[in-house]
């Protein structure tokens, strides 16, 4: 399996590449993606597997979620600011959909 399951890949509308914005931990790439989507930072989450991901999310005002299947240990992601660390990619779609259902993000 790749980094993200197909159920999550189907939800992705915007891709921001390294050359599009300053690298993390700068929030520039996240803010660019949010602008393109027309979403405010408070209505967004960012899933990442590195400390720089958690710091970028925090700097952008976006809720940081750790991916426990990635590069860094869950405890590292939690210390860096992840509000939750998911153990595997299969948990991601359900978590994102539940966050949308609580009014964090409008469809």
Protein backbone atom coordinates (compact mmCIF):
# COMPACT_ATOMS: atom_id res chain seq x y z
CA UNK A 1 0.00 0.00 0.00
CA UNK A 2 1.14 3.56 -0.69
CA UNK A 3 1.30 6.37 1.83
CA UNK A 4 -2.44 7.04 1.59
CA UNK A 5 -5.29 4.63 0.91
CA UNK A 6 -7.47 5.20 -2.19
CA UNK A 7 -10.40 6.35 -0.01
CA UNK A 8 -8.27 9.30 1.14
CA UNK A 9 -6.67 10.01 -2.23
CA UNK A 10 -10.16 10.42 -3.67
CA UNK A 11 -10.72 13.33 -1.24
CA UNK A 12 -7.67 15.35 -2.38
CA UNK A 13 -8.46 18.32 -4.60
CA UNK A 14 -5.29 20.43 -4.32
CA UNK A 15 -1.61 19.53 -4.42
CA UNK A 16 1.08 22.00 -3.34
CA UNK A 17 4.61 21.02 -4.32
CA UNK A 18 7.97 21.91 -2.83
CA UNK A 19 8.64 24.56 -5.46
CA UNK A 20 5.27 26.29 -4.85
CA UNK A 21 6.05 27.68 -1.39
CA UNK A 22 8.69 27.94 1.33
CA UNK A 23 9.41 24.53 2.87
CA UNK A 24 7.99 23.39 6.19
CA UNK A 25 8.05 24.32 9.02
CA UNK A 26 6.99 27.56 7.28
CA UNK A 27 3.20 27.59 6.94
CA UNK A 28 3.29 28.99 3.39
CA UNK A 29 2.38 25.77 1.57
CA UNK A 30 -0.53 25.06 3.89
CA UNK A 31 -1.81 28.61 3.58
CA UNK A 32 -1.53 28.42 -0.22
CA UNK A 33 -3.54 25.19 -0.32
CA UNK A 34 -6.19 26.64 1.99
CA UNK A 35 -6.44 29.75 -0.16
CA UNK A 36 -6.91 27.63 -3.30
CA UNK A 37 -9.61 25.63 -1.53
CA UNK A 38 -11.30 28.68 -0.01
CA UNK A 39 -11.03 27.15 3.47
CA UNK A 40 -10.06 29.01 6.64
CA UNK A 41 -7.27 27.53 8.78
CA UNK A 42 -9.62 26.93 11.70
CA UNK A 43 -11.72 24.65 9.49
CA UNK A 44 -8.82 22.51 8.31
CA UNK A 45 -6.59 19.69 9.47
CA UNK A 46 -3.12 18.75 8.28
CA UNK A 47 -1.86 15.18 8.42
CA UNK A 48 1.88 14.73 8.59
CA UNK A 49 4.58 12.36 9.74
CA UNK A 50 7.33 14.77 10.79
CA UNK A 51 7.85 17.39 13.49
CA UNK A 52 8.10 20.06 10.78
CA UNK A 53 4.61 19.09 9.63
CA UNK A 54 3.18 19.64 13.11
CA UNK A 55 5.01 22.97 13.44
CA UNK A 56 3.80 24.14 10.00
CA UNK A 57 0.21 23.24 10.88
CA UNK A 58 0.44 25.12 14.17
CA UNK A 59 1.97 28.17 12.49
CA UNK A 60 -0.83 28.13 9.90
CA UNK A 61 -3.57 27.80 12.53
CA UNK A 62 -4.52 24.35 11.22
CA UNK A 63 -5.24 21.33 13.45
CA UNK A 64 -2.21 18.99 13.27
CA UNK A 65 -2.81 15.24 13.01
CA UNK A 66 0.11 12.81 13.18
CA UNK A 67 0.47 9.83 10.89
CA UNK A 68 1.83 7.01 13.02
CA UNK A 69 2.67 4.97 9.91
CA UNK A 70 5.17 7.54 8.67
CA UNK A 71 8.68 8.73 9.45
CA UNK A 72 8.48 9.87 13.10
CA UNK A 73 7.47 8.04 16.25
CA UNK A 74 4.01 8.84 17.63
CA UNK A 75 5.51 10.32 20.80
CA UNK A 76 7.63 12.68 18.69
CA UNK A 77 4.57 13.86 16.78
CA UNK A 78 2.61 14.38 20.00
CA UNK A 79 5.43 16.44 21.52
CA UNK A 80 5.54 18.50 18.32
CA UNK A 81 1.84 19.37 18.68
CA UNK A 82 -0.25 16.63 17.05
CA UNK A 83 -3.71 16.61 18.61
CA UNK A 84 -3.99 12.93 17.73
CA UNK A 85 -1.67 10.38 16.13
CA UNK A 86 -3.41 7.79 14.00
CA UNK A 87 -1.84 4.33 14.08
CA UNK A 88 -2.34 3.53 10.39
CA UNK A 89 -3.60 5.08 7.17
CA UNK A 90 -6.86 3.15 7.27
CA UNK A 91 -7.92 5.28 10.28
CA UNK A 92 -7.50 8.51 8.33
CA UNK A 93 -10.65 8.55 6.20
CA UNK A 94 -12.92 7.83 9.17
CA UNK A 95 -11.20 10.47 11.29
CA UNK A 96 -11.48 13.11 8.57
CA UNK A 97 -15.12 12.28 7.94
CA UNK A 98 -15.91 12.42 11.67
CA UNK A 99 -14.24 15.84 11.92
CA UNK A 100 -16.33 17.06 9.00
CA UNK A 101 -19.44 15.74 10.73
CA UNK A 102 -18.71 17.81 13.84
CA UNK A 103 -18.88 21.03 11.86
CA UNK A 104 -15.12 21.63 11.69
CA UNK A 105 -15.33 21.80 7.93
CA UNK A 106 -18.21 22.46 5.60
CA UNK A 107 -18.74 20.40 2.48
